[in-house]
């Protein structure tokens, strides 16, 4: 049985403190995260999801841009230039 919820937490370190930059609820377990062309690529259950950054009221937010659904869990995702492997 696949997990049905999860979340992505993005932090930064500012003046020796850890600060939460963005939080995104997901419909499944987040198995991996990669940077891809200035965006965030996530393997969530059997889906590869690409998020873009958006400014929102003095903070940043992750917005879904596109995704691909497969028949197997996206446990390992690697990027090579403009390619997702």
C-alpha atoms as a PDB file:
ATOM      1  CA  UNK A   1       0.000   0.000   0.000  1.00  0.00           C
ATOM      2  CA  UNK A   2       1.431   3.369  -1.016  1.00  0.00           C
ATOM      3  CA  UNK A   3       1.434   6.240   1.493  1.00  0.00           C
ATOM      4  CA  UNK A   4      -1.303   8.797   0.742  1.00  0.00           C
ATOM      5  CA  UNK A   5       0.210  11.938   2.228  1.00  0.00           C
ATOM      6  CA  UNK A   6       3.525  13.659   2.797  1.00  0.00           C
ATOM      7  CA  UNK A   7       5.141  17.070   2.652  1.00  0.00           C
ATOM      8  CA  UNK A   8       8.143  18.951   1.402  1.00  0.00           C
ATOM      9  CA  UNK A   9       9.938  21.282   3.787  1.00  0.00           C
ATOM     10  CA  UNK A  10      12.573  23.688   2.421  1.00  0.00           C
ATOM     11  CA  UNK A  11      14.921  25.378   4.880  1.00  0.00           C
ATOM     12  CA  UNK A  12      17.695  27.950   4.647  1.00  0.00           C
ATOM     13  CA  UNK A  13      20.409  28.881   7.124  1.00  0.00           C
ATOM     14  CA  UNK A  14      20.468  32.578   8.010  1.00  0.00           C
ATOM     15  CA  UNK A  15      22.774  33.985  10.680  1.00  0.00           C
ATOM     16  CA  UNK A  16      23.391  30.533  12.220  1.00  0.00           C
ATOM     17  CA  UNK A  17      19.639  29.806  12.410  1.00  0.00           C
ATOM     18  CA  UNK A  18      17.544  27.342  10.410  1.00  0.00           C
ATOM     19  CA  UNK A  19      14.579  29.126   8.805  1.00  0.00           C
ATOM     20  CA  UNK A  20      11.607  27.469   7.076  1.00  0.00           C
ATOM     21  CA  UNK A  21      11.380  28.880   3.537  1.00  0.00           C
ATOM     22  CA  UNK A  22       8.503  26.841   2.103  1.00  0.00           C
ATOM     23  CA  UNK A  23       6.188  23.964   2.978  1.00  0.00           C
ATOM     24  CA  UNK A  24       4.120  21.926   0.508  1.00  0.00           C
ATOM     25  CA  UNK A  25       1.664  19.128   1.325  1.00  0.00           C
ATOM     26  CA  UNK A  26       1.777  16.197  -1.122  1.00  0.00           C
ATOM     27  CA  UNK A  27      -0.553  13.329  -1.971  1.00  0.00           C
ATOM     28  CA  UNK A  28       2.001  10.627  -1.243  1.00  0.00           C
ATOM     29  CA  UNK A  29       5.430   9.986   0.247  1.00  0.00           C
ATOM     30  CA  UNK A  30       8.270  12.167  -1.021  1.00  0.00           C
ATOM     31  CA  UNK A  31      11.110   9.779  -1.844  1.00  0.00           C
ATOM     32  CA  UNK A  32      13.598  12.232  -3.341  1.00  0.00           C
ATOM     33  CA  UNK A  33      14.209  15.865  -4.251  1.00  0.00           C
ATOM     34  CA  UNK A  34      16.444  17.327  -6.956  1.00  0.00           C
ATOM     35  CA  UNK A  35      17.224  20.764  -8.273  1.00  0.00           C
ATOM     36  CA  UNK A  36      16.279  21.000 -11.957  1.00  0.00           C
ATOM     37  CA  UNK A  37      16.673  24.213 -13.937  1.00  0.00           C
ATOM     38  CA  UNK A  38      16.097  26.441 -10.900  1.00  0.00           C
ATOM     39  CA  UNK A  39      13.000  24.433  -9.977  1.00  0.00           C
ATOM     40  CA  UNK A  40      12.373  21.574  -7.563  1.00  0.00           C
ATOM     41  CA  UNK A  41      11.877  18.047  -8.899  1.00  0.00           C
ATOM     42  CA  UNK A  42      10.235  15.558  -6.534  1.00  0.00           C
ATOM     43  CA  UNK A  43       9.662  11.806  -6.696  1.00  0.00           C
ATOM     44  CA  UNK A  44       6.288  11.323  -4.976  1.00  0.00           C
ATOM     45  CA  UNK A  45       4.967   7.740  -4.886  1.00  0.00           C
ATOM     46  CA  UNK A  46       4.702   6.765  -8.571  1.00  0.00           C
ATOM     47  CA  UNK A  47       4.810  10.359  -9.859  1.00  0.00           C
ATOM     48  CA  UNK A  48       7.588  12.753 -10.842  1.00  0.00           C
ATOM     49  CA  UNK A  49       6.433  16.297  -9.984  1.00  0.00           C
ATOM     50  CA  UNK A  50       8.149  19.531 -11.021  1.00  0.00           C
ATOM     51  CA  UNK A  51       7.519  22.581  -8.813  1.00  0.00           C
ATOM     52  CA  UNK A  52       8.353  26.195  -9.586  1.00  0.00           C
ATOM     53  CA  UNK A  53       9.101  28.908  -7.061  1.00  0.00           C
ATOM     54  CA  UNK A  54       6.683  31.818  -6.647  1.00  0.00           C
ATOM     55  CA  UNK A  55       6.897  34.875  -4.392  1.00  0.00           C
ATOM     56  CA  UNK A  56       3.959  35.267  -2.052  1.00  0.00           C
ATOM     57  CA  UNK A  57       3.504  37.977   0.576  1.00  0.00           C
ATOM     58  CA  UNK A  58       7.172  38.252   1.513  1.00  0.00           C
ATOM     59  CA  UNK A  59       7.768  34.497   1.392  1.00  0.00           C
ATOM     60  CA  UNK A  60       8.241  31.827  -1.256  1.00  0.00           C
ATOM     61  CA  UNK A  61       5.815  29.136  -2.334  1.00  0.00           C
ATOM     62  CA  UNK A  62       6.142  25.909  -4.351  1.00  0.00           C
ATOM     63  CA  UNK A  63       3.621  25.678  -7.188  1.00  0.00           C
ATOM     64  CA  UNK A  64       3.143  22.524  -9.295  1.00  0.00           C
ATOM     65  CA  UNK A  65       4.230  23.010 -12.902  1.00  0.00           C
ATOM     66  CA  UNK A  66       4.010  19.571 -14.509  1.00  0.00           C
ATOM     67  CA  UNK A  67       4.147  15.889 -13.611  1.00  0.00           C
ATOM     68  CA  UNK A  68       4.453  12.386 -15.014  1.00  0.00           C
ATOM     69  CA  UNK A  69       2.689   9.311 -13.585  1.00  0.00           C
ATOM     70  CA  UNK A  70       4.361   5.926 -13.927  1.00  0.00           C
ATOM     71  CA  UNK A  71       3.609   2.347 -12.937  1.00  0.00           C
ATOM     72  CA  UNK A  72       6.422   1.996 -10.392  1.00  0.00           C
ATOM     73  CA  UNK A  73       7.564   3.941  -7.326  1.00  0.00           C
ATOM     74  CA  UNK A  74       9.855   6.884  -8.094  1.00  0.00           C
ATOM     75  CA  UNK A  75      12.438   5.896  -5.492  1.00  0.00           C
ATOM     76  CA  UNK A  76      15.513   7.180  -7.343  1.00  0.00           C
ATOM     77  CA  UNK A  77      15.514  10.166  -9.687  1.00  0.00           C
ATOM     78  CA  UNK A  78      18.665  11.636 -11.192  1.00  0.00           C
ATOM     79  CA  UNK A  79      19.045  14.674 -13.432  1.00  0.00           C
ATOM     80  CA  UNK A  80      21.712  15.093 -16.101  1.00  0.00           C
ATOM     81  CA  UNK A  81      21.592  18.534 -17.724  1.00  0.00           C
ATOM     82  CA  UNK A  82      18.143  18.872 -19.297  1.00  0.00           C
ATOM     83  CA  UNK A  83      17.286  15.204 -18.772  1.00  0.00           C
ATOM     84  CA  UNK A  84      15.493  13.390 -15.949  1.00  0.00           C
ATOM     85  CA  UNK A  85      16.694   9.796 -15.593  1.00  0.00           C
END
